[in-house]
Amino acid sequence: MSSAENAPDPDPVPQPPAQPDLDACCGNGCDPCVFDYYDLAMDEYRQALRAWRARHPEPVPHPQDAV
């Protein structure tokens, strides 16, 4: 096996942010709320994913398809 096969992908697929637990919100109307931060992170993720897909137009197999 060559070292190129073991090298990390220089342009990996963006990963979505972890969704906060429902208990993470204190319910006091904080501005911003943890869910506001999550929404912003999801927006950034979607933009990054669109840009990545533009650079990689070939379909990417889903992990569950490999089973």
Protein backbone atom coordinates (compact mmCIF):
# COMPACT_ATOMS: atom_id res chain seq x y z
CA MET A 1 0.00 0.00 0.00
CA SER A 2 1.46 3.39 -0.93
CA SER A 3 1.58 6.39 1.34
CA ALA A 4 -0.78 8.20 -1.05
CA GLU A 5 -3.48 5.65 -0.20
CA ASN A 6 -3.05 6.39 3.51
CA ALA A 7 -2.95 10.18 3.12
CA PRO A 8 -5.97 12.10 4.40
CA ASP A 9 -8.36 13.44 1.79
CA PRO A 10 -7.24 17.00 1.00
CA ASP A 11 -10.86 18.02 0.33
CA PRO A 12 -13.12 15.91 2.57
CA VAL A 13 -16.91 16.11 2.46
CA PRO A 14 -18.11 18.72 4.98
CA GLN A 15 -19.79 17.22 8.03
CA PRO A 16 -22.91 18.69 9.62
CA PRO A 17 -22.64 20.22 13.07
CA ALA A 18 -23.87 18.24 16.03
CA GLN A 19 -27.44 19.15 16.92
CA PRO A 20 -27.80 20.35 20.51
CA ASP A 21 -29.91 18.27 22.86
CA LEU A 22 -33.38 19.66 23.48
CA ASP A 23 -32.27 20.11 27.10
CA ALA A 24 -29.46 22.45 25.97
CA CYS A 25 -31.94 25.34 25.76
CA CYS A 26 -32.63 26.88 29.15
CA GLY A 27 -35.97 28.32 27.99
CA ASN A 28 -35.16 31.83 29.23
CA GLY A 29 -35.30 33.45 25.80
CA CYS A 30 -31.54 33.93 25.48
CA ASP A 31 -30.48 35.91 22.42
CA PRO A 32 -28.76 34.13 20.86
CA CYS A 33 -29.96 30.71 21.96
CA VAL A 34 -27.89 27.55 21.47
CA PHE A 35 -30.33 26.69 18.68
CA ASP A 36 -29.58 30.02 16.97
CA TYR A 37 -25.91 29.03 16.94
CA TYR A 38 -26.87 25.62 15.56
CA ASP A 39 -28.95 27.24 12.79
CA LEU A 40 -25.99 29.43 11.84
CA ALA A 41 -23.68 26.42 11.83
CA MET A 42 -26.15 24.51 9.62
CA ASP A 43 -26.23 27.44 7.18
CA GLU A 44 -22.42 27.38 7.01
CA TYR A 45 -22.48 23.60 6.55
CA ARG A 46 -24.99 23.83 3.69
CA GLN A 47 -22.88 26.49 1.95
CA ALA A 48 -19.73 24.42 2.39
CA LEU A 49 -21.50 21.31 1.10
CA ARG A 50 -22.79 23.15 -1.99
CA ALA A 51 -19.27 24.42 -2.70
CA TRP A 52 -17.82 20.93 -2.17
CA ARG A 53 -20.39 19.37 -4.51
CA ALA A 54 -19.51 21.96 -7.15
CA ARG A 55 -15.89 20.81 -6.89
CA HIS A 56 -16.91 17.12 -6.86
CA PRO A 57 -19.81 16.65 -9.30
CA GLU A 58 -19.61 12.84 -9.19
CA PRO A 59 -22.10 11.18 -6.84
CA VAL A 60 -20.79 10.22 -3.42
CA PRO A 61 -21.97 6.85 -2.07
CA HIS A 62 -23.67 7.00 1.30
CA PRO A 63 -22.14 4.84 4.05
CA GLN A 64 -25.40 2.90 4.45
CA ASP A 65 -25.21 1.91 0.76
CA ALA A 66 -21.97 0.00 1.41
CA VAL A 67 -23.75 -2.54 3.62
